[in-house]
Amino acid sequence: MTEHTHTTCEELLDSLSAYIDGALAPELCRELEKHLAECNNCRVVLNTTKRTIDLVQTPLEKPDLPEDVRERLFKRLNLDDYLTRKSK
């Protein structure tokens, strides 16, 4: 088993966006996936990030969560401007 440190988590999570977008180099992708297999905390961050992206990208016409929950989420994520523009 490889050494697991918080520094490793921070370094790999810096690449999380590129990983989710499919833009991460294959060797870094394998390294990140190996780390995710061993680190529950980073898996939680990955899953939460993916779900947040899905929620934000859900069309307003067919949100998959109640409107009040969606509004609270957008406000919590400081996306008030986005919520206001889209709902007009």
PDB file of N, CA and C in Angstrom:
ATOM      1  N   MET A   1       0.845  -1.184   0.000  1.00  0.00           N
ATOM      2  CA  MET A   1       0.000   0.000   0.000  1.00  0.00           C
ATOM      3  C   MET A   1       0.886   1.242   0.000  1.00  0.00           C
ATOM      4  N   THR A   2       0.478   2.245  -0.754  1.00  0.00           N
ATOM      5  CA  THR A   2       1.261   3.471  -0.840  1.00  0.00           C
ATOM      6  C   THR A   2       1.008   4.348   0.381  1.00  0.00           C
ATOM      7  N   GLU A   3       1.964   5.234   0.632  1.00  0.00           N
ATOM      8  CA  GLU A   3       1.811   6.161   1.747  1.00  0.00           C
ATOM      9  C   GLU A   3       0.654   7.112   1.456  1.00  0.00           C
ATOM     10  N   HIS A   4      -0.160   7.340   2.461  1.00  0.00           N
ATOM     11  CA  HIS A   4      -1.331   8.193   2.299  1.00  0.00           C
ATOM     12  C   HIS A   4      -1.180   9.400   3.218  1.00  0.00           C
ATOM     13  N   THR A   5      -1.133  10.573   2.611  1.00  0.00           N
ATOM     14  CA  THR A   5      -1.015  11.794   3.398  1.00  0.00           C
ATOM     15  C   THR A   5      -2.045  12.803   2.912  1.00  0.00           C
ATOM     16  N   HIS A   6      -2.334  13.760   3.744  1.00  0.00           N
ATOM     17  CA  HIS A   6      -3.253  14.828   3.336  1.00  0.00           C
ATOM     18  C   HIS A   6      -2.673  15.634   2.182  1.00  0.00           C
ATOM     19  N   THR A   7      -1.357  15.743   2.125  1.00  0.00           N
ATOM     20  CA  THR A   7      -0.721  16.445   1.018  1.00  0.00           C
ATOM     21  C   THR A   7      -1.046  15.740  -0.294  1.00  0.00           C
ATOM     22  N   THR A   8      -1.004  14.404  -0.282  1.00  0.00           N
ATOM     23  CA  THR A   8      -1.357  13.638  -1.479  1.00  0.00           C
ATOM     24  C   THR A   8      -2.790  13.948  -1.886  1.00  0.00           C
ATOM     25  N   CYS A   9      -3.699  13.978  -0.928  1.00  0.00           N
ATOM     26  CA  CYS A   9      -5.101  14.291  -1.210  1.00  0.00           C
ATOM     27  C   CYS A   9      -5.214  15.664  -1.858  1.00  0.00           C
ATOM     28  N   GLU A  10      -4.569  16.658  -1.283  1.00  0.00           N
ATOM     29  CA  GLU A  10      -4.648  18.021  -1.802  1.00  0.00           C
ATOM     30  C   GLU A  10      -4.094  18.100  -3.222  1.00  0.00           C
ATOM     31  N   GLU A  11      -2.973  17.446  -3.457  1.00  0.00           N
ATOM     32  CA  GLU A  11      -2.362  17.477  -4.788  1.00  0.00           C
ATOM     33  C   GLU A  11      -3.277  16.833  -5.824  1.00  0.00           C
ATOM     34  N   LEU A  12      -3.835  15.682  -5.479  1.00  0.00           N
ATOM     35  CA  LEU A  12      -4.691  14.983  -6.431  1.00  0.00           C
ATOM     36  C   LEU A  12      -6.023  15.692  -6.630  1.00  0.00           C
ATOM     37  N   LEU A  13      -6.568  16.260  -5.576  1.00  0.00           N
ATOM     38  CA  LEU A  13      -7.853  16.938  -5.704  1.00  0.00           C
ATOM     39  C   LEU A  13      -7.733  18.229  -6.501  1.00  0.00           C
ATOM     40  N   ASP A  14      -6.523  18.768  -6.618  1.00  0.00           N
ATOM     41  CA  ASP A  14      -6.310  19.921  -7.499  1.00  0.00           C
ATOM     42  C   ASP A  14      -6.631  19.558  -8.949  1.00  0.00           C
ATOM     43  N   SER A  15      -6.548  18.266  -9.271  1.00  0.00           N
ATOM     44  CA  SER A  15      -6.800  17.785 -10.636  1.00  0.00           C
ATOM     45  C   SER A  15      -8.226  17.293 -10.820  1.00  0.00           C
ATOM     46  N   LEU A  16      -9.059  17.452  -9.810  1.00  0.00           N
ATOM     47  CA  LEU A  16     -10.402  16.878  -9.833  1.00  0.00           C
ATOM     48  C   LEU A  16     -11.260  17.405 -10.981  1.00  0.00           C
ATOM     49  N   SER A  17     -11.232  18.689 -11.227  1.00  0.00           N
ATOM     50  CA  SER A  17     -12.038  19.262 -12.318  1.00  0.00           C
ATOM     51  C   SER A  17     -11.651  18.664 -13.659  1.00  0.00           C
ATOM     52  N   ALA A  18     -10.364  18.608 -13.921  1.00  0.00           N
ATOM     53  CA  ALA A  18      -9.891  18.027 -15.179  1.00  0.00           C
ATOM     54  C   ALA A  18     -10.296  16.559 -15.275  1.00  0.00           C
ATOM     55  N   TYR A  19     -10.260  15.852 -14.162  1.00  0.00           N
ATOM     56  CA  TYR A  19     -10.655  14.442 -14.135  1.00  0.00           C
ATOM     57  C   TYR A  19     -12.137  14.302 -14.481  1.00  0.00           C
ATOM     58  N   ILE A  20     -12.977  15.089 -13.848  1.00  0.00           N
ATOM     59  CA  ILE A  20     -14.422  15.033 -14.089  1.00  0.00           C
ATOM     60  C   ILE A  20     -14.733  15.403 -15.538  1.00  0.00           C
ATOM     61  N   ASP A  21     -14.005  16.379 -16.081  1.00  0.00           N
ATOM     62  CA  ASP A  21     -14.224  16.824 -17.458  1.00  0.00           C
ATOM     63  C   ASP A  21     -13.633  15.864 -18.494  1.00  0.00           C
ATOM     64  N   GLY A  22     -12.881  14.871 -18.033  1.00  0.00           N
ATOM     65  CA  GLY A  22     -12.238  13.944 -18.962  1.00  0.00           C
ATOM     66  C   GLY A  22     -11.027  14.541 -19.647  1.00  0.00           C
ATOM     67  N   ALA A  23     -10.457  15.570 -19.046  1.00  0.00           N
ATOM     68  CA  ALA A  23      -9.335  16.286 -19.654  1.00  0.00           C
ATOM     69  C   ALA A  23      -8.004  16.007 -18.955  1.00  0.00           C
ATOM     70  N   LEU A  24      -7.996  15.062 -18.038  1.00  0.00           N
ATOM     71  CA  LEU A  24      -6.775  14.752 -17.293  1.00  0.00           C
ATOM     72  C   LEU A  24      -5.940  13.745 -18.084  1.00  0.00           C
ATOM     73  N   ALA A  25      -4.638  13.952 -18.101  1.00  0.00           N
ATOM     74  CA  ALA A  25      -3.731  13.037 -18.797  1.00  0.00           C
ATOM     75  C   ALA A  25      -3.928  11.613 -18.265  1.00  0.00           C
ATOM     76  N   PRO A  26      -3.827  10.610 -19.132  1.00  0.00           N
ATOM     77  CA  PRO A  26      -4.092   9.226 -18.722  1.00  0.00           C
ATOM     78  C   PRO A  26      -3.283   8.758 -17.516  1.00  0.00           C
ATOM     79  N   GLU A  27      -2.012   9.121 -17.442  1.00  0.00           N
ATOM     80  CA  GLU A  27      -1.192   8.671 -16.308  1.00  0.00           C
ATOM     81  C   GLU A  27      -1.661   9.311 -14.994  1.00  0.00           C
ATOM     82  N   LEU A  28      -2.072  10.582 -15.049  1.00  0.00           N
ATOM     83  CA  LEU A  28      -2.593  11.245 -13.861  1.00  0.00           C
ATOM     84  C   LEU A  28      -3.963  10.685 -13.492  1.00  0.00           C
ATOM     85  N   CYS A  29      -4.718  10.327 -14.505  1.00  0.00           N
ATOM     86  CA  CYS A  29      -6.031   9.719 -14.298  1.00  0.00           C
ATOM     87  C   CYS A  29      -5.869   8.414 -13.519  1.00  0.00           C
ATOM     88  N   ARG A  30      -4.941   7.586 -13.940  1.00  0.00           N
ATOM     89  CA  ARG A  30      -4.694   6.307 -13.246  1.00  0.00           C
ATOM     90  C   ARG A  30      -4.239   6.553 -11.804  1.00  0.00           C
ATOM     91  N   GLU A  31      -3.373   7.542 -11.615  1.00  0.00           N
ATOM     92  CA  GLU A  31      -2.891   7.870 -10.276  1.00  0.00           C
ATOM     93  C   GLU A  31      -4.052   8.322  -9.382  1.00  0.00           C
ATOM     94  N   LEU A  32      -4.911   9.178  -9.922  1.00  0.00           N
ATOM     95  CA  LEU A  32      -6.059   9.663  -9.164  1.00  0.00           C
ATOM     96  C   LEU A  32      -7.013   8.513  -8.842  1.00  0.00           C
ATOM     97  N   GLU A  33      -7.283   7.642  -9.807  1.00  0.00           N
ATOM     98  CA  GLU A  33      -8.189   6.514  -9.584  1.00  0.00           C
ATOM     99  C   GLU A  33      -7.622   5.549  -8.546  1.00  0.00           C
ATOM    100  N   LYS A  34      -6.315   5.347  -8.558  1.00  0.00           N
ATOM    101  CA  LYS A  34      -5.680   4.496  -7.547  1.00  0.00           C
ATOM    102  C   LYS A  34      -5.877   5.116  -6.164  1.00  0.00           C
ATOM    103  N   HIS A  35      -5.670   6.416  -6.072  1.00  0.00           N
ATOM    104  CA  HIS A  35      -5.857   7.110  -4.798  1.00  0.00           C
ATOM    105  C   HIS A  35      -7.306   7.019  -4.342  1.00  0.00           C
ATOM    106  N   LEU A  36      -8.247   7.219  -5.270  1.00  0.00           N
ATOM    107  CA  LEU A  36      -9.670   7.160  -4.928  1.00  0.00           C
ATOM    108  C   LEU A  36     -10.061   5.778  -4.406  1.00  0.00           C
ATOM    109  N   ALA A  37      -9.430   4.749  -4.922  1.00  0.00           N
ATOM    110  CA  ALA A  37      -9.723   3.388  -4.472  1.00  0.00           C
ATOM    111  C   ALA A  37      -9.321   3.182  -3.010  1.00  0.00           C
ATOM    112  N   GLU A  38      -8.368   3.975  -2.545  1.00  0.00           N
ATOM    113  CA  GLU A  38      -7.841   3.818  -1.187  1.00  0.00           C
ATOM    114  C   GLU A  38      -8.316   4.899  -0.217  1.00  0.00           C
ATOM    115  N   CYS A  39      -8.943   5.961  -0.720  1.00  0.00           N
ATOM    116  CA  CYS A  39      -9.252   7.105   0.135  1.00  0.00           C
ATOM    117  C   CYS A  39     -10.748   7.443   0.082  1.00  0.00           C
ATOM    118  N   ASN A  40     -11.455   7.064   1.122  1.00  0.00           N
ATOM    119  CA  ASN A  40     -12.883   7.317   1.187  1.00  0.00           C
ATOM    120  C   ASN A  40     -13.194   8.814   1.183  1.00  0.00           C
ATOM    121  N   ASN A  41     -12.401   9.614   1.870  1.00  0.00           N
ATOM    122  CA  ASN A  41     -12.651  11.060   1.914  1.00  0.00           C
ATOM    123  C   ASN A  41     -12.612  11.685   0.524  1.00  0.00           C
ATOM    124  N   CYS A  42     -11.650  11.298  -0.287  1.00  0.00           N
ATOM    125  CA  CYS A  42     -11.546  11.855  -1.641  1.00  0.00           C
ATOM    126  C   CYS A  42     -12.680  11.339  -2.530  1.00  0.00           C
ATOM    127  N   ARG A  43     -13.114  10.094  -2.315  1.00  0.00           N
ATOM    128  CA  ARG A  43     -14.269   9.585  -3.065  1.00  0.00           C
ATOM    129  C   ARG A  43     -15.513  10.390  -2.744  1.00  0.00           C
ATOM    130  N   VAL A  44     -15.677  10.760  -1.475  1.00  0.00           N
ATOM    131  CA  VAL A  44     -16.823  11.585  -1.075  1.00  0.00           C
ATOM    132  C   VAL A  44     -16.752  12.942  -1.775  1.00  0.00           C
ATOM    133  N   VAL A  45     -15.573  13.550  -1.812  1.00  0.00           N
ATOM    134  CA  VAL A  45     -15.405  14.846  -2.484  1.00  0.00           C
ATOM    135  C   VAL A  45     -15.739  14.704  -3.965  1.00  0.00           C
ATOM    136  N   LEU A  46     -15.243  13.657  -4.612  1.00  0.00           N
ATOM    137  CA  LEU A  46     -15.519  13.435  -6.033  1.00  0.00           C
ATOM    138  C   LEU A  46     -17.019  13.272  -6.276  1.00  0.00           C
ATOM    139  N   ASN A  47     -17.668  12.418  -5.499  1.00  0.00           N
ATOM    140  CA  ASN A  47     -19.094  12.167  -5.686  1.00  0.00           C
ATOM    141  C   ASN A  47     -19.932  13.411  -5.411  1.00  0.00           C
ATOM    142  N   THR A  48     -19.575  14.155  -4.384  1.00  0.00           N
ATOM    143  CA  THR A  48     -20.296  15.384  -4.055  1.00  0.00           C
ATOM    144  C   THR A  48     -20.119  16.424  -5.164  1.00  0.00           C
ATOM    145  N   THR A  49     -18.915  16.541  -5.684  1.00  0.00           N
ATOM    146  CA  THR A  49     -18.646  17.488  -6.762  1.00  0.00           C
ATOM    147  C   THR A  49     -19.441  17.117  -8.010  1.00  0.00           C
ATOM    148  N   LYS A  50     -19.436  15.834  -8.360  1.00  0.00           N
ATOM    149  CA  LYS A  50     -20.201  15.388  -9.535  1.00  0.00           C
ATOM    150  C   LYS A  50     -21.690  15.677  -9.355  1.00  0.00           C
ATOM    151  N   ARG A  51     -22.216  15.389  -8.174  1.00  0.00           N
ATOM    152  CA  ARG A  51     -23.643  15.603  -7.925  1.00  0.00           C
ATOM    153  C   ARG A  51     -23.974  17.099  -7.962  1.00  0.00           C
ATOM    154  N   THR A  52     -23.115  17.928  -7.415  1.00  0.00           N
ATOM    155  CA  THR A  52     -23.335  19.374  -7.437  1.00  0.00           C
ATOM    156  C   THR A  52     -23.371  19.883  -8.881  1.00  0.00           C
ATOM    157  N   ILE A  53     -22.450  19.406  -9.701  1.00  0.00           N
ATOM    158  CA  ILE A  53     -22.430  19.796 -11.118  1.00  0.00           C
ATOM    159  C   ILE A  53     -23.737  19.376 -11.783  1.00  0.00           C
ATOM    160  N   ASP A  54     -24.189  18.155 -11.508  1.00  0.00           N
ATOM    161  CA  ASP A  54     -25.451  17.679 -12.080  1.00  0.00           C
ATOM    162  C   ASP A  54     -26.618  18.559 -11.660  1.00  0.00           C
ATOM    163  N   LEU A  55     -26.660  18.937 -10.387  1.00  0.00           N
ATOM    164  CA  LEU A  55     -27.754  19.765  -9.895  1.00  0.00           C
ATOM    165  C   LEU A  55     -27.754  21.148 -10.537  1.00  0.00           C
ATOM    166  N   VAL A  56     -26.582  21.734 -10.668  1.00  0.00           N
ATOM    167  CA  VAL A  56     -26.478  23.079 -11.243  1.00  0.00           C
ATOM    168  C   VAL A  56     -26.841  23.053 -12.723  1.00  0.00           C
ATOM    169  N   GLN A  57     -26.520  21.981 -13.414  1.00  0.00           N
ATOM    170  CA  GLN A  57     -26.774  21.909 -14.846  1.00  0.00           C
ATOM    171  C   GLN A  57     -28.191  21.439 -15.190  1.00  0.00           C
ATOM    172  N   THR A  58     -28.983  21.057 -14.196  1.00  0.00           N
ATOM    173  CA  THR A  58     -30.343  20.613 -14.456  1.00  0.00           C
ATOM    174  C   THR A  58     -31.161  21.777 -14.988  1.00  0.00           C
ATOM    175  N   PRO A  59     -31.840  21.580 -16.115  1.00  0.00           N
ATOM    176  CA  PRO A  59     -32.657  22.678 -16.660  1.00  0.00           C
ATOM    177  C   PRO A  59     -33.722  23.116 -15.660  1.00  0.00           C
ATOM    178  N   LEU A  60     -33.982  24.416 -15.614  1.00  0.00           N
ATOM    179  CA  LEU A  60     -34.987  24.938 -14.693  1.00  0.00           C
ATOM    180  C   LEU A  60     -36.376  24.393 -14.991  1.00  0.00           C
ATOM    181  N   GLU A  61     -36.649  24.068 -16.248  1.00  0.00           N
ATOM    182  CA  GLU A  61     -37.967  23.584 -16.605  1.00  0.00           C
ATOM    183  C   GLU A  61     -38.275  22.231 -15.957  1.00  0.00           C
ATOM    184  N   LYS A  62     -37.244  21.431 -15.730  1.00  0.00           N
ATOM    185  CA  LYS A  62     -37.449  20.099 -15.176  1.00  0.00           C
ATOM    186  C   LYS A  62     -36.437  19.800 -14.066  1.00  0.00           C
ATOM    187  N   PRO A  63     -36.432  20.580 -13.020  1.00  0.00           N
ATOM    188  CA  PRO A  63     -35.477  20.293 -11.944  1.00  0.00           C
ATOM    189  C   PRO A  63     -35.822  18.965 -11.278  1.00  0.00           C
ATOM    190  N   ASP A  64     -34.809  18.229 -10.870  1.00  0.00           N
ATOM    191  CA  ASP A  64     -35.055  16.949 -10.220  1.00  0.00           C
ATOM    192  C   ASP A  64     -35.066  17.072  -8.696  1.00  0.00           C
ATOM    193  N   LEU A  65     -35.236  18.299  -8.199  1.00  0.00           N
ATOM    194  CA  LEU A  65     -35.384  18.514  -6.778  1.00  0.00           C
ATOM    195  C   LEU A  65     -36.356  19.670  -6.573  1.00  0.00           C
ATOM    196  N   PRO A  66     -36.986  19.711  -5.426  1.00  0.00           N
ATOM    197  CA  PRO A  66     -37.958  20.783  -5.175  1.00  0.00           C
ATOM    198  C   PRO A  66     -37.317  22.164  -5.332  1.00  0.00           C
ATOM    199  N   GLU A  67     -38.113  23.109  -5.816  1.00  0.00           N
ATOM    200  CA  GLU A  67     -37.607  24.459  -6.097  1.00  0.00           C
ATOM    201  C   GLU A  67     -36.995  25.118  -4.867  1.00  0.00           C
ATOM    202  N   ASP A  68     -37.615  24.945  -3.688  1.00  0.00           N
ATOM    203  CA  ASP A  68     -37.055  25.579  -2.487  1.00  0.00           C
ATOM    204  C   ASP A  68     -35.684  24.998  -2.141  1.00  0.00           C
ATOM    205  N   VAL A  69     -35.503  23.709  -2.367  1.00  0.00           N
ATOM    206  CA  VAL A  69     -34.208  23.077  -2.109  1.00  0.00           C
ATOM    207  C   VAL A  69     -33.177  23.602  -3.112  1.00  0.00           C
ATOM    208  N   ARG A  70     -33.581  23.699  -4.370  1.00  0.00           N
ATOM    209  CA  ARG A  70     -32.690  24.210  -5.415  1.00  0.00           C
ATOM    210  C   ARG A  70     -32.269  25.645  -5.108  1.00  0.00           C
ATOM    211  N   GLU A  71     -33.203  26.487  -4.682  1.00  0.00           N
ATOM    212  CA  GLU A  71     -32.888  27.873  -4.344  1.00  0.00           C
ATOM    213  C   GLU A  71     -31.903  27.943  -3.177  1.00  0.00           C
ATOM    214  N   ARG A  72     -32.128  27.137  -2.145  1.00  0.00           N
ATOM    215  CA  ARG A  72     -31.205  27.130  -0.993  1.00  0.00           C
ATOM    216  C   ARG A  72     -29.815  26.679  -1.423  1.00  0.00           C
ATOM    217  N   LEU A  73     -29.759  25.668  -2.301  1.00  0.00           N
ATOM    218  CA  LEU A  73     -28.470  25.180  -2.787  1.00  0.00           C
ATOM    219  C   LEU A  73     -27.733  26.278  -3.542  1.00  0.00           C
ATOM    220  N   PHE A  74     -28.420  26.952  -4.457  1.00  0.00           N
ATOM    221  CA  PHE A  74     -27.784  28.012  -5.236  1.00  0.00           C
ATOM    222  C   PHE A  74     -27.310  29.140  -4.329  1.00  0.00           C
ATOM    223  N   LYS A  75     -28.104  29.495  -3.345  1.00  0.00           N
ATOM    224  CA  LYS A  75     -27.695  30.558  -2.422  1.00  0.00           C
ATOM    225  C   LYS A  75     -26.486  30.127  -1.607  1.00  0.00           C
ATOM    226  N   ARG A  76     -26.483  28.880  -1.162  1.00  0.00           N
ATOM    227  CA  ARG A  76     -25.365  28.358  -0.369  1.00  0.00           C
ATOM    228  C   ARG A  76     -24.074  28.334  -1.179  1.00  0.00           C
ATOM    229  N   LEU A  77     -24.203  28.080  -2.479  1.00  0.00           N
ATOM    230  CA  LEU A  77     -23.040  28.031  -3.363  1.00  0.00           C
ATOM    231  C   LEU A  77     -22.710  29.394  -3.959  1.00  0.00           C
ATOM    232  N   ASN A  78     -23.382  30.437  -3.454  1.00  0.00           N
ATOM    233  CA  ASN A  78     -23.174  31.806  -3.939  1.00  0.00           C
ATOM    234  C   ASN A  78     -23.460  31.932  -5.434  1.00  0.00           C
ATOM    235  N   LEU A  79     -24.541  31.303  -5.873  1.00  0.00           N
ATOM    236  CA  LEU A  79     -24.954  31.359  -7.271  1.00  0.00           C
ATOM    237  C   LEU A  79     -26.247  32.148  -7.432  1.00  0.00           C
ATOM    238  N   ASP A  80     -26.483  33.095  -6.542  1.00  0.00           N
ATOM    239  CA  ASP A  80     -27.706  33.905  -6.591  1.00  0.00           C
ATOM    240  C   ASP A  80     -27.903  34.554  -7.952  1.00  0.00           C
ATOM    241  N   ASP A  81     -26.834  35.104  -8.525  1.00  0.00           N
ATOM    242  CA  ASP A  81     -26.947  35.774  -9.826  1.00  0.00           C
ATOM    243  C   ASP A  81     -27.416  34.796 -10.905  1.00  0.00           C
ATOM    244  N   TYR A  82     -26.874  33.609 -10.891  1.00  0.00           N
ATOM    245  CA  TYR A  82     -27.265  32.592 -11.865  1.00  0.00           C
ATOM    246  C   TYR A  82     -28.735  32.227 -11.690  1.00  0.00           C
ATOM    247  N   LEU A  83     -29.162  32.050 -10.455  1.00  0.00           N
ATOM    248  CA  LEU A  83     -30.545  31.686 -10.165  1.00  0.00           C
ATOM    249  C   LEU A  83     -31.488  32.786 -10.643  1.00  0.00           C
ATOM    250  N   THR A  84     -31.144  34.037 -10.403  1.00  0.00           N
ATOM    251  CA  THR A  84     -31.975  35.176 -10.801  1.00  0.00           C
ATOM    252  C   THR A  84     -32.071  35.284 -12.323  1.00  0.00           C
ATOM    253  N   ARG A  85     -30.942  35.181 -13.024  1.00  0.00           N
ATOM    254  CA  ARG A  85     -30.941  35.289 -14.487  1.00  0.00           C
ATOM    255  C   ARG A  85     -31.736  34.171 -15.130  1.00  0.00           C
ATOM    256  N   LYS A  86     -31.604  32.956 -14.652  1.00  0.00           N
ATOM    257  CA  LYS A  86     -32.249  31.806 -15.259  1.00  0.00           C
ATOM    258  C   LYS A  86     -33.745  31.770 -15.009  1.00  0.00           C
ATOM    259  N   SER A  87     -34.204  32.327 -13.893  1.00  0.00           N
ATOM    260  CA  SER A  87     -35.612  32.221 -13.552  1.00  0.00           C
ATOM    261  C   SER A  87     -36.463  33.313 -14.199  1.00  0.00           C
ATOM    262  N   LYS A  88     -35.836  34.275 -14.843  1.00  0.00           N
ATOM    263  CA  LYS A  88     -36.575  35.374 -15.493  1.00  0.00           C
ATOM    264  C   LYS A  88     -37.179  34.928 -16.796  1.00  0.00           C
TER     265      LYS A  88
END
